[in-house]
Amino acid sequence: MDKYLHCQQLLGKLQQTMQQHQQWDACSPSAQALASIEPFAIDTLSCSQWLQWIFIPKMTLLVSQHLPLPSQFEIAPYVEEAMKNEQGYEAILAVCHEFDHLLKAK
């Protein structure tokens, strides 16, 4: 399967999984929170907020414009630690592992 198509499908799967487990916010964080320069915006956003408001939109842009996808990147270790006590943790983590596998594939 085309890497961009697979990534697009995983983005939809991640959004759906987050919504199913009440990890999807109706309102955006503040512009200041979204402007964090820390990895994963760890100083201003929760993991689910980072996935929803940073990761999914940026990856959607890369996919829609067929721009280079990150290759030296893993989100599962962060999600595993940051969401370990959250509702839907295992399901969300499973999708993140799929992303990591896809992005590492040559």
Protein backbone atom coordinates (compact mmCIF):
# COMPACT_ATOMS: atom_id res chain seq x y z
CA MET A 1 0.00 0.00 0.00
CA ASP A 2 1.15 3.54 -0.72
CA LYS A 3 2.78 5.06 2.37
CA TYR A 4 0.76 8.28 2.08
CA LEU A 5 -2.53 6.41 1.78
CA HIS A 6 -1.62 4.19 4.72
CA CYS A 7 -0.69 7.25 6.78
CA GLN A 8 -3.98 8.95 5.88
CA GLN A 9 -5.87 5.85 7.02
CA LEU A 10 -3.94 5.73 10.29
CA LEU A 11 -4.69 9.41 10.94
CA GLY A 12 -8.39 8.67 10.59
CA LYS A 13 -8.04 5.60 12.80
CA LEU A 14 -6.23 7.63 15.47
CA GLN A 15 -8.91 10.33 15.46
CA GLN A 16 -11.69 7.76 15.64
CA THR A 17 -9.96 5.87 18.46
CA MET A 18 -9.42 9.04 20.45
CA GLN A 19 -13.07 10.05 19.98
CA GLN A 20 -14.30 6.61 21.03
CA HIS A 21 -12.35 6.90 24.28
CA GLN A 22 -13.32 10.51 25.08
CA GLN A 23 -9.80 11.80 24.38
CA TRP A 24 -10.95 14.32 21.75
CA ASP A 25 -11.54 17.95 22.74
CA ALA A 26 -14.27 20.12 21.26
CA CYS A 27 -12.30 23.33 21.84
CA SER A 28 -8.78 24.16 20.75
CA PRO A 29 -6.14 25.07 23.33
CA SER A 30 -4.96 28.67 23.35
CA ALA A 31 -2.65 29.94 20.62
CA GLN A 32 0.03 30.33 23.28
CA ALA A 33 -0.29 26.67 24.31
CA LEU A 34 -0.10 25.56 20.68
CA ALA A 35 3.02 27.69 20.10
CA SER A 36 5.16 25.71 22.55
CA ILE A 37 8.64 24.93 21.31
CA GLU A 38 9.13 21.99 23.67
CA PRO A 39 9.04 18.47 22.24
CA PHE A 40 5.44 17.25 22.16
CA ALA A 41 4.46 20.66 23.61
CA ILE A 42 4.93 18.88 26.92
CA ASP A 43 4.95 22.16 28.84
CA THR A 44 1.53 23.31 27.64
CA LEU A 45 -0.51 20.39 26.23
CA SER A 46 -1.62 16.98 27.38
CA CYS A 47 -0.63 14.07 25.18
CA SER A 48 -4.12 13.77 23.70
CA GLN A 49 -4.16 17.51 22.97
CA TRP A 50 -0.78 17.24 21.24
CA LEU A 51 -2.02 14.35 19.12
CA GLN A 52 -5.24 16.17 18.22
CA TRP A 53 -4.01 19.71 17.69
CA ILE A 54 -0.38 19.27 16.57
CA PHE A 55 0.38 15.76 15.31
CA ILE A 56 -2.77 14.99 13.32
CA PRO A 57 -2.97 18.40 11.56
CA LYS A 58 0.74 18.44 10.67
CA MET A 59 0.71 14.86 9.40
CA THR A 60 -2.49 15.56 7.45
CA LEU A 61 -0.76 18.49 5.75
CA LEU A 62 2.28 16.37 4.86
CA VAL A 63 0.09 13.60 3.48
CA SER A 64 -2.25 15.87 1.50
CA GLN A 65 0.67 17.63 -0.18
CA HIS A 66 2.82 14.50 -0.53
CA LEU A 67 5.62 16.18 1.40
CA PRO A 68 8.36 14.04 2.97
CA LEU A 69 7.14 12.12 5.99
CA PRO A 70 9.28 11.98 9.13
CA SER A 71 11.50 8.92 9.28
CA GLN A 72 13.46 9.30 12.51
CA PHE A 73 10.44 9.75 14.70
CA GLU A 74 8.58 7.73 17.30
CA ILE A 75 5.45 8.76 19.14
CA ALA A 76 4.61 5.49 20.89
CA PRO A 77 7.18 5.86 23.72
CA TYR A 78 5.79 9.30 24.56
CA VAL A 79 2.17 8.13 24.37
CA GLU A 80 2.99 5.06 26.44
CA GLU A 81 4.37 7.18 29.28
CA ALA A 82 2.09 10.20 29.04
CA MET A 83 -1.23 8.37 28.68
CA LYS A 84 -0.65 5.26 30.80
CA ASN A 85 -3.40 6.23 33.24
CA GLU A 86 -5.82 7.64 30.65
CA GLN A 87 -9.00 6.14 29.25
CA GLY A 88 -8.37 4.32 25.97
CA TYR A 89 -4.61 4.23 26.51
CA GLU A 90 -4.03 0.78 25.01
CA ALA A 91 -6.11 1.41 21.88
CA ILE A 92 -4.48 4.80 21.22
CA LEU A 93 -1.03 3.37 21.88
CA ALA A 94 -1.67 0.54 19.40
CA VAL A 95 -2.39 3.06 16.62
CA CYS A 96 0.73 5.03 17.57
CA HIS A 97 2.81 1.85 17.27
CA GLU A 98 1.37 1.43 13.77
CA PHE A 99 2.52 4.97 12.94
CA ASP A 100 6.00 4.28 14.24
CA HIS A 101 6.24 1.09 12.19
CA LEU A 102 5.01 2.85 9.04
CA LEU A 103 7.34 5.82 9.41
CA LYS A 104 10.38 3.59 10.00
CA ALA A 105 9.64 1.45 6.94
CA LYS A 106 11.79 2.12 3.90
